[in-house]
Amino acid sequence: MTQLADETLRWLLAGDPSIRWQTLAGLTDAPPQEVAAARSEVAESGWGKDLLDQQSGGRWADGGYFPARDWHPAVPITGDPEAQPWVATLPTLRLLRAFGIEPDHPRVRSAIEGVAEHCTWEYDDLPFFDGEVEPCINGGALSVGAYFGRDMDALATRLVGERLPDGGWNCEAERGSTRSSFHTTICVLEGLLDYERGGGQVPVAEARRGGEEYLLSRALFRRASTGEPADDSWLEFSFPTQWYYDVLRGLDYFRDAGGTPDQRLTDALDLLRTKRQPDGTWLLENTHPGLVWFDLDDGDGAPSRWNTLRALRVLRWADGND
């Protein structure tokens, strides 16, 4: 078992700098200076640098959530051109945040200033860091804004006020929905956690706990009415997750939030363990189609460094608190 774990660790450490530094930080006892040195490479090489290189005019793909209609990539990109594209500013910044790129790196600071000055939403041409109308989008904007050091108090206030009576959020609320959505709720929870961690001045802890309770009361994937899985696709793990929910994303949120694991995570953790492959990895199972700058894994059905890293971090947290 130890040899298998060592082989998996070596495989992760051989990945992109964004994988390497998070592996060192989350799965080893590497000294802080080694972790910091590895993290500094994210903006200088590999995927992080590649994404920074694609910014033009303060935006990615000339758009906030969607590419501009007349945008044409200057470099080859991949993915399904008929599906929702993932190359505009918000999905790109969410990737950079997932990479753990250093917010204070000069190139990153310059990129964020460019977004603040030049990027607006397709909805009413609103400034990017002010957010727009859908809480699933605004949760992502809050997350990246807080992570990259912007003042996000106004958007945090809005999201706290939009929580539904059952505890979570739903992008369809403006069209009359009164029931929360797992997809929207996880996006908002991640944003509130980043905002709270970044020292925001708006009290968000109560709203965040309410959203967590909404997910926990359903064991992260079950219908409240029957106890059956609410959506079979939530049992398949994706990366990047985009705006979609799945069980690994839910578990990774609770791991990131810290503390002692709630007993209602047991079924989700059991599912996670069953998906570990004989070689110690987890697969990429459900890629969300759409244009992307480049692939981060080898496709559905193949071992995924991202899913393996995230799964192992969750289990280290859960098992360490048994």
Protein backbone atom coordinates (compact mmCIF):
# COMPACT_ATOMS: atom_id res chain seq x y z
CA MET A 1 0.00 0.00 0.00
CA THR A 2 2.84 2.40 0.82
CA GLN A 3 4.54 1.66 -2.51
CA LEU A 4 1.28 2.31 -4.34
CA ALA A 5 0.85 5.62 -2.50
CA ASP A 6 4.44 6.60 -3.31
CA GLU A 7 3.90 5.85 -7.01
CA THR A 8 0.74 7.96 -7.06
CA LEU A 9 2.55 10.80 -5.31
CA ARG A 10 5.41 10.70 -7.81
CA TRP A 11 2.87 10.77 -10.65
CA LEU A 12 1.21 13.85 -9.20
CA LEU A 13 4.51 15.61 -8.61
CA ALA A 14 5.43 15.03 -12.26
CA GLY A 15 2.45 17.11 -13.37
CA ASP A 16 2.05 20.80 -14.12
CA PRO A 17 3.37 23.28 -11.52
CA SER A 18 -0.22 23.94 -10.42
CA ILE A 19 -0.56 20.24 -9.54
CA ARG A 20 2.92 19.94 -8.10
CA TRP A 21 2.69 22.75 -5.56
CA GLN A 22 -0.75 21.69 -4.33
CA THR A 23 0.43 18.11 -3.98
CA LEU A 24 3.35 19.28 -1.87
CA ALA A 25 1.09 21.50 0.23
CA GLY A 26 -1.81 19.10 0.68
CA LEU A 27 -0.36 15.60 0.61
CA THR A 28 3.18 15.83 1.95
CA ASP A 29 5.04 17.32 4.87
CA ALA A 30 7.20 19.48 2.61
CA PRO A 31 8.60 22.57 4.37
CA PRO A 32 6.82 25.87 3.66
CA GLN A 33 9.75 27.26 1.66
CA GLU A 34 9.63 24.31 -0.73
CA VAL A 35 5.88 24.72 -1.19
CA ALA A 36 6.29 28.47 -1.77
CA ALA A 37 9.03 27.92 -4.34
CA ALA A 38 6.87 25.40 -6.21
CA ARG A 39 3.88 27.72 -6.12
CA SER A 40 5.87 30.60 -7.56
CA GLU A 41 6.35 28.56 -10.73
CA VAL A 42 2.62 28.55 -11.59
CA ALA A 43 2.70 32.05 -13.10
CA GLU A 44 6.06 31.47 -14.75
CA SER A 45 5.55 28.20 -16.62
CA GLY A 46 2.99 25.60 -17.60
CA TRP A 47 -0.76 26.12 -17.61
CA GLY A 48 -0.76 29.25 -15.46
CA LYS A 49 1.59 31.10 -17.77
CA ASP A 50 -0.27 29.80 -20.81
CA LEU A 51 -3.55 31.27 -19.53
CA LEU A 52 -1.97 34.60 -18.63
CA ASP A 53 -0.51 34.77 -22.13
CA GLN A 54 -4.00 34.57 -23.65
CA GLN A 55 -5.32 37.73 -22.01
CA SER A 56 -5.81 40.58 -24.45
CA GLY A 57 -7.19 44.03 -23.75
CA GLY A 58 -7.88 43.14 -20.11
CA ARG A 59 -10.10 40.19 -21.04
CA TRP A 60 -10.02 36.62 -22.20
CA ALA A 61 -11.86 35.90 -25.46
CA ASP A 62 -13.05 39.52 -25.34
CA GLY A 63 -15.89 38.66 -22.96
CA GLY A 64 -16.95 38.34 -19.33
CA TYR A 65 -18.86 35.05 -19.30
CA PHE A 66 -19.00 34.30 -23.02
CA PRO A 67 -16.55 35.08 -25.81
CA ALA A 68 -17.41 38.10 -27.94
CA ARG A 69 -19.38 37.20 -31.06
CA ASP A 70 -16.58 38.36 -33.34
CA TRP A 71 -13.75 36.85 -31.27
CA HIS A 72 -11.33 34.55 -33.04
CA PRO A 73 -8.60 32.78 -31.02
CA ALA A 74 -5.04 33.68 -31.89
CA VAL A 75 -3.85 30.21 -30.85
CA PRO A 76 -5.31 26.74 -31.48
CA ILE A 77 -7.96 25.78 -28.92
CA THR A 78 -9.87 22.56 -28.41
CA GLY A 79 -13.28 21.28 -27.34
CA ASP A 80 -16.81 21.23 -28.67
CA PRO A 81 -17.63 24.46 -30.55
CA GLU A 82 -21.36 23.72 -30.32
CA ALA A 83 -21.46 23.64 -26.50
CA GLN A 84 -21.08 26.41 -23.92
CA PRO A 85 -17.57 27.86 -24.28
CA TRP A 86 -15.19 28.04 -21.32
CA VAL A 87 -12.58 30.52 -22.59
CA ALA A 88 -13.95 33.91 -21.52
CA THR A 89 -12.79 35.88 -18.50
CA LEU A 90 -14.77 34.26 -15.65
CA PRO A 91 -14.03 30.59 -16.48
CA THR A 92 -10.38 31.49 -17.12
CA LEU A 93 -10.02 33.31 -13.80
CA ARG A 94 -11.70 30.39 -12.04
CA LEU A 95 -9.06 28.11 -13.51
CA LEU A 96 -6.26 30.40 -12.36
CA ARG A 97 -7.80 30.40 -8.91
CA ALA A 98 -8.01 26.58 -8.99
CA PHE A 99 -4.35 26.51 -9.99
CA GLY A 100 -3.56 28.46 -6.82
CA ILE A 101 -1.63 31.05 -8.80
CA GLU A 102 -0.05 33.70 -6.58
CA PRO A 103 -2.36 36.75 -6.46
CA ASP A 104 0.58 39.06 -5.78
CA HIS A 105 2.69 37.95 -8.73
CA PRO A 106 3.31 41.04 -10.92
CA ARG A 107 1.81 39.45 -14.03
CA VAL A 108 -1.25 38.37 -12.09
CA ARG A 109 -1.74 41.80 -10.53
CA SER A 110 -1.48 43.35 -13.97
CA ALA A 111 -4.00 40.89 -15.40
CA ILE A 112 -6.52 41.59 -12.63
CA GLU A 113 -6.15 45.34 -13.06
CA GLY A 114 -6.84 44.83 -16.73
CA VAL A 115 -10.04 42.95 -15.92
CA ALA A 116 -11.16 45.66 -13.50
CA GLU A 117 -10.57 48.40 -16.07
CA HIS A 118 -11.77 46.78 -19.27
CA CYS A 119 -13.97 43.72 -18.71
CA THR A 120 -17.74 43.93 -18.41
CA TRP A 121 -20.56 41.40 -18.35
CA GLU A 122 -22.77 40.60 -21.27
CA TYR A 123 -25.69 41.54 -19.00
CA ASP A 124 -26.13 45.33 -19.06
CA ASP A 125 -22.41 45.91 -19.60
CA LEU A 126 -21.83 45.88 -15.83
CA PRO A 127 -18.23 46.06 -14.51
CA PHE A 128 -16.82 42.57 -13.98
CA PHE A 129 -16.12 42.75 -10.25
CA ASP A 130 -19.57 44.25 -9.57
CA GLY A 131 -21.15 40.98 -10.69
CA GLU A 132 -24.29 40.56 -12.79
CA VAL A 133 -27.69 38.99 -11.97
CA GLU A 134 -27.34 35.21 -11.70
CA PRO A 135 -26.04 33.97 -8.33
CA CYS A 136 -24.21 31.01 -9.93
CA ILE A 137 -22.17 33.49 -12.00
CA ASN A 138 -21.87 35.93 -9.11
CA GLY A 139 -20.60 33.18 -6.82
CA GLY A 140 -17.74 32.62 -9.26
CA ALA A 141 -17.12 36.36 -9.54
CA LEU A 142 -17.06 36.68 -5.76
CA SER A 143 -14.60 33.80 -5.49
CA VAL A 144 -12.10 35.15 -7.99
CA GLY A 145 -12.55 38.75 -6.89
CA ALA A 146 -11.86 37.90 -3.27
CA TYR A 147 -8.99 35.58 -4.15
CA PHE A 148 -7.30 38.24 -6.25
CA GLY A 149 -7.73 40.95 -3.63
CA ARG A 150 -10.61 43.06 -4.95
CA ASP A 151 -13.18 44.80 -2.75
CA MET A 152 -16.17 42.49 -3.09
CA ASP A 153 -18.35 43.74 -0.22
CA ALA A 154 -21.24 44.82 -2.44
CA LEU A 155 -21.47 41.50 -4.25
CA ALA A 156 -21.22 39.56 -0.97
CA THR A 157 -24.09 41.62 0.43
CA ARG A 158 -26.21 40.86 -2.61
CA LEU A 159 -25.60 37.10 -2.43
CA VAL A 160 -26.36 36.93 1.29
CA GLY A 161 -29.67 38.66 0.58
CA GLU A 162 -30.55 36.23 -2.20
CA ARG A 163 -30.47 33.07 -0.10
CA LEU A 164 -33.71 31.10 -0.38
CA PRO A 165 -35.79 29.85 2.58
CA ASP A 166 -34.45 26.29 2.26
CA GLY A 167 -30.90 27.56 2.79
CA GLY A 168 -29.28 27.65 -0.64
CA TRP A 169 -29.42 29.59 -3.88
CA ASN A 170 -30.86 29.15 -7.37
CA CYS A 171 -30.19 31.05 -10.59
CA GLU A 172 -33.84 30.51 -11.46
CA ALA A 173 -35.05 32.48 -8.43
CA GLU A 174 -35.53 35.59 -10.56
CA ARG A 175 -37.95 33.53 -12.66
CA GLY A 176 -39.92 32.37 -9.64
CA SER A 177 -38.09 29.31 -8.31
CA THR A 178 -38.28 28.93 -4.53
CA ARG A 179 -36.16 25.77 -4.27
CA SER A 180 -32.40 25.83 -4.13
CA SER A 181 -30.09 24.30 -6.71
CA PHE A 182 -27.02 22.21 -5.89
CA HIS A 183 -25.23 23.77 -8.88
CA THR A 184 -25.88 27.35 -7.81
CA THR A 185 -25.40 26.71 -4.10
CA ILE A 186 -21.90 25.24 -4.48
CA CYS A 187 -20.84 28.18 -6.67
CA VAL A 188 -22.04 30.66 -4.05
CA LEU A 189 -20.57 28.71 -1.13
CA GLU A 190 -17.13 28.68 -2.74
CA GLY A 191 -17.42 32.41 -3.31
CA LEU A 192 -18.47 33.14 0.26
CA LEU A 193 -15.63 30.99 1.62
CA ASP A 194 -13.04 32.84 -0.46
CA TYR A 195 -14.60 36.16 0.55
CA GLU A 196 -14.62 35.27 4.27
CA ARG A 197 -11.06 33.97 4.07
CA GLY A 198 -9.95 37.14 2.29
CA GLY A 199 -11.07 39.33 5.16
CA GLY A 200 -14.26 40.75 3.66
CA GLN A 201 -16.22 43.10 5.91
CA VAL A 202 -19.73 41.76 5.26
CA PRO A 203 -20.90 39.04 7.71
CA VAL A 204 -21.41 35.94 5.57
CA ALA A 205 -20.85 33.09 8.04
CA GLU A 206 -24.54 32.53 8.78
CA ALA A 207 -25.43 32.41 5.08
CA ARG A 208 -22.57 30.05 4.39
CA ARG A 209 -23.63 27.72 7.20
CA GLY A 210 -27.17 27.73 5.84
CA GLY A 211 -25.95 26.73 2.38
CA GLU A 212 -23.80 24.00 3.88
CA GLU A 213 -26.79 22.68 5.80
CA TYR A 214 -28.79 22.53 2.57
CA LEU A 215 -26.15 20.21 1.04
CA LEU A 216 -25.53 18.20 4.22
CA SER A 217 -29.21 17.55 4.84
CA ARG A 218 -29.19 15.76 1.49
CA ALA A 219 -25.92 13.88 2.15
CA LEU A 220 -24.41 15.91 -0.74
CA PHE A 221 -26.34 14.06 -3.43
CA ARG A 222 -29.69 12.66 -2.30
CA ARG A 223 -33.25 13.85 -2.87
CA ALA A 224 -34.86 15.17 0.30
CA SER A 225 -38.09 13.37 -0.62
CA THR A 226 -36.87 9.84 -1.40
CA GLY A 227 -33.21 9.62 -0.43
CA GLU A 228 -32.33 8.49 -3.94
CA PRO A 229 -29.50 10.18 -5.88
CA ALA A 230 -30.93 13.42 -7.23
CA ASP A 231 -28.87 13.24 -10.43
CA ASP A 232 -26.66 10.35 -11.52
CA SER A 233 -24.22 12.77 -13.17
CA TRP A 234 -23.37 14.11 -9.70
CA LEU A 235 -21.80 10.72 -8.96
CA GLU A 236 -19.29 11.23 -11.79
CA PHE A 237 -16.29 13.47 -11.19
CA SER A 238 -15.33 16.36 -13.43
CA PHE A 239 -12.54 18.89 -13.76
CA PRO A 240 -12.87 21.72 -14.47
CA THR A 241 -16.27 21.63 -12.83
CA GLN A 242 -17.38 24.92 -14.41
CA TRP A 243 -20.83 25.73 -12.92
CA TYR A 244 -21.77 22.09 -12.46
CA TYR A 245 -22.09 20.27 -9.15
CA ASP A 246 -20.73 16.81 -8.37
CA VAL A 247 -19.98 14.92 -5.18
CA LEU A 248 -16.22 15.44 -5.33
CA ARG A 249 -16.73 19.18 -5.72
CA GLY A 250 -19.00 19.18 -2.69
CA LEU A 251 -16.52 17.17 -0.62
CA ASP A 252 -13.62 19.38 -1.71
CA TYR A 253 -15.54 22.44 -0.57
CA PHE A 254 -16.05 21.00 2.92
CA ARG A 255 -12.40 19.93 3.02
CA ASP A 256 -11.35 23.45 2.10
CA ALA A 257 -13.66 24.95 4.74
CA GLY A 258 -11.96 22.73 7.33
CA GLY A 259 -13.09 21.57 10.74
CA THR A 260 -14.31 18.14 11.74
CA PRO A 261 -16.17 16.31 8.96
CA ASP A 262 -19.91 16.15 9.49
CA GLN A 263 -21.27 12.62 9.84
CA ARG A 264 -23.64 13.33 6.97
CA LEU A 265 -20.65 13.26 4.61
CA THR A 266 -20.25 9.51 5.20
CA ASP A 267 -22.14 8.34 2.11
CA ALA A 268 -20.29 10.78 -0.12
CA LEU A 269 -16.94 9.71 1.32
CA ASP A 270 -17.84 6.05 0.81
CA LEU A 271 -18.65 6.81 -2.84
CA LEU A 272 -15.31 8.57 -3.22
CA ARG A 273 -13.43 5.57 -1.87
CA THR A 274 -15.20 3.15 -4.21
CA LYS A 275 -14.00 5.14 -7.21
CA ARG A 276 -10.31 4.74 -6.41
CA GLN A 277 -8.66 2.67 -9.11
CA PRO A 278 -6.29 -0.27 -8.46
CA ASP A 279 -3.34 1.98 -9.40
CA GLY A 280 -4.34 4.50 -6.72
CA THR A 281 -5.78 7.13 -9.07
CA TRP A 282 -9.23 8.54 -9.79
CA LEU A 283 -10.57 8.90 -13.31
CA LEU A 284 -11.90 11.86 -15.21
CA GLU A 285 -15.52 10.82 -15.76
CA ASN A 286 -17.70 13.65 -17.01
CA THR A 287 -16.02 16.40 -19.00
CA HIS A 288 -18.41 19.28 -19.57
CA PRO A 289 -18.30 19.96 -23.32
CA GLY A 290 -17.29 23.32 -24.72
CA LEU A 291 -14.33 25.23 -26.07
CA VAL A 292 -11.30 25.28 -23.76
CA TRP A 293 -7.85 26.79 -24.07
CA PHE A 294 -6.28 23.34 -23.65
CA ASP A 295 -6.99 19.98 -22.05
CA LEU A 296 -5.92 19.45 -18.44
CA ASP A 297 -6.25 15.65 -18.46
CA ASP A 298 -6.27 12.85 -21.02
CA GLY A 299 -10.05 12.59 -21.37
CA ASP A 300 -12.92 10.72 -19.77
CA GLY A 301 -12.00 7.23 -18.62
CA ALA A 302 -8.33 8.09 -18.12
CA PRO A 303 -6.57 8.76 -14.80
CA SER A 304 -6.96 12.40 -13.79
CA ARG A 305 -4.28 14.18 -11.81
CA TRP A 306 -6.81 16.84 -10.79
CA ASN A 307 -9.40 14.39 -9.52
CA THR A 308 -6.73 12.29 -7.83
CA LEU A 309 -5.22 15.29 -6.07
CA ARG A 310 -8.61 16.52 -4.91
CA ALA A 311 -9.77 13.07 -3.80
CA LEU A 312 -6.61 12.37 -1.83
CA ARG A 313 -6.79 15.76 -0.11
CA VAL A 314 -10.38 15.05 0.91
CA LEU A 315 -9.50 11.63 2.29
CA ARG A 316 -6.48 12.97 4.15
CA TRP A 317 -8.74 15.54 5.80
CA ALA A 318 -11.53 13.07 6.54
CA ASP A 319 -9.30 10.26 7.78
CA GLY A 320 -7.17 12.64 9.82
CA ASN A 321 -10.25 13.74 11.72
CA ASP A 322 -11.62 10.27 12.44
